[in-house]
Amino acid sequence: GGNVQTYLPVKNGQVVAACLRLDINPGAPNIILCGTGLRIRHAGLRLAQQRSPLPIFFKQAPTRWTYQGLFKVTGSCTDPEECAPYITDSGRDPAEISRVVLLEAVTVL
């Protein structure tokens, strides 16, 4: 469930997945660069506050996705200086990044 047109679909106040393109999130799945649109700012904030793990998918083609596993948030930043090391090698304009969310894989026993 959630909005299938966003890369961080939200349902009932929770981000239910991260559906990422590696060309704009080259550090994924451990680093997600959130854009500046109103909806993505909101979803990025929700994700940063979220404690439950979420599935990560990489886009391979228009209707083809690959599952990367479950990940949990370990940190987040919005301060430009703090975010800069995560954005520098991304090829993206820092002015177009509202938040950086850091994640790590969840080990399922």
Protein backbone atom coordinates (compact mmCIF):
# COMPACT_ATOMS: atom_id res chain seq x y z
CA GLY A 1 0.00 0.00 0.00
CA GLY A 2 0.97 3.63 -0.32
CA ASN A 3 1.62 6.02 -3.17
CA VAL A 4 3.32 4.10 -5.99
CA GLN A 5 4.52 7.31 -7.69
CA THR A 6 6.96 8.31 -4.96
CA TYR A 7 10.19 6.62 -4.00
CA LEU A 8 9.23 6.75 -0.31
CA PRO A 9 5.57 5.68 -0.26
CA VAL A 10 3.77 6.51 3.00
CA LYS A 11 0.73 4.70 4.38
CA ASN A 12 -0.84 5.42 7.77
CA GLY A 13 2.04 7.75 8.64
CA GLN A 14 4.81 5.21 7.95
CA VAL A 15 7.17 4.84 5.03
CA VAL A 16 6.39 1.35 3.72
CA ALA A 17 9.35 0.96 1.33
CA ALA A 18 12.19 2.78 -0.36
CA CYS A 19 12.08 2.39 -4.15
CA LEU A 20 15.36 3.84 -5.32
CA ARG A 21 17.19 4.68 -8.52
CA LEU A 22 20.94 4.28 -8.15
CA ASP A 23 21.68 7.16 -10.53
CA ILE A 24 20.23 9.64 -8.00
CA ASN A 25 20.95 7.60 -4.85
CA PRO A 26 24.41 6.15 -5.55
CA GLY A 27 25.05 5.36 -1.88
CA ALA A 28 21.90 3.28 -1.57
CA PRO A 29 20.82 1.23 0.20
CA ASN A 30 22.79 2.72 3.10
CA ILE A 31 22.35 6.38 2.12
CA ILE A 32 19.14 7.95 0.82
CA LEU A 33 19.26 11.49 -0.54
CA CYS A 34 15.84 13.12 -0.16
CA GLY A 35 14.85 15.81 -2.64
CA THR A 36 13.23 19.15 -1.87
CA GLY A 37 9.62 18.68 -2.98
CA LEU A 38 7.00 19.10 -0.27
CA ARG A 39 5.87 15.44 -0.34
CA ILE A 40 9.40 14.07 -0.34
CA ARG A 41 10.42 16.39 2.51
CA HIS A 42 7.48 15.03 4.51
CA ALA A 43 8.28 11.41 3.62
CA GLY A 44 11.98 11.97 4.42
CA LEU A 45 11.08 13.32 7.86
CA ARG A 46 8.76 10.35 8.46
CA LEU A 47 11.51 7.96 7.42
CA ALA A 48 14.09 9.68 9.65
CA GLN A 49 11.76 9.25 12.66
CA GLN A 50 10.78 5.68 11.83
CA ARG A 51 12.00 2.87 14.04
CA SER A 52 10.55 -0.10 12.15
CA PRO A 53 12.58 -1.64 9.30
CA LEU A 54 11.48 -1.21 5.70
CA PRO A 55 12.20 -3.07 2.46
CA ILE A 56 14.53 -1.46 -0.05
CA PHE A 57 14.13 -1.95 -3.80
CA PHE A 58 16.37 -0.81 -6.68
CA LYS A 59 14.84 0.18 -10.00
CA GLN A 60 16.28 -1.86 -12.87
CA ALA A 61 13.82 -0.86 -15.60
CA PRO A 62 10.41 0.90 -15.77
CA THR A 63 8.55 -2.04 -14.23
CA ARG A 64 11.45 -4.11 -12.89
CA TRP A 65 12.68 -3.83 -9.31
CA THR A 66 15.13 -5.89 -7.25
CA TYR A 67 14.69 -6.44 -3.54
CA GLN A 68 17.76 -5.51 -1.47
CA GLY A 69 16.53 -6.57 1.98
CA LEU A 70 15.19 -4.97 5.13
CA PHE A 71 16.92 -1.86 6.44
CA LYS A 72 16.53 0.34 9.52
CA VAL A 73 17.31 4.00 9.99
CA THR A 74 20.50 4.72 11.93
CA GLY A 75 20.68 8.47 11.46
CA SER A 76 19.61 11.53 9.52
CA CYS A 77 20.88 15.02 8.81
CA THR A 78 19.53 18.21 7.29
CA ASP A 79 22.41 20.60 8.02
CA PRO A 80 24.22 21.31 4.72
CA GLU A 81 27.70 20.93 6.26
CA GLU A 82 26.81 17.66 7.95
CA CYS A 83 25.15 16.31 4.78
CA ALA A 84 27.93 17.41 2.40
CA PRO A 85 30.11 14.27 2.68
CA TYR A 86 27.16 12.10 1.63
CA ILE A 87 26.20 14.33 -1.30
CA THR A 88 29.63 15.23 -2.73
CA ASP A 89 30.14 12.18 -4.97
CA SER A 90 26.46 11.79 -5.87
CA GLY A 91 26.52 14.17 -8.82
CA ARG A 92 23.51 15.96 -7.35
CA ASP A 93 23.25 19.65 -6.50
CA PRO A 94 23.37 20.02 -2.69
CA ALA A 95 20.64 22.68 -2.97
CA GLU A 96 18.31 19.93 -4.25
CA ILE A 97 18.82 17.71 -1.17
CA SER A 98 16.66 18.40 1.89
CA ARG A 99 17.77 15.46 4.03
CA VAL A 100 20.19 12.55 4.11
CA VAL A 101 18.92 9.36 5.76
CA LEU A 102 21.40 6.68 6.85
CA LEU A 103 20.36 3.04 7.03
CA GLU A 104 21.83 -0.36 7.82
CA ALA A 105 20.74 -3.87 6.93
CA VAL A 106 18.59 -5.74 9.42
CA THR A 107 19.76 -9.24 10.19
CA VAL A 108 16.87 -11.67 10.13
CA LEU A 109 17.46 -14.77 12.25
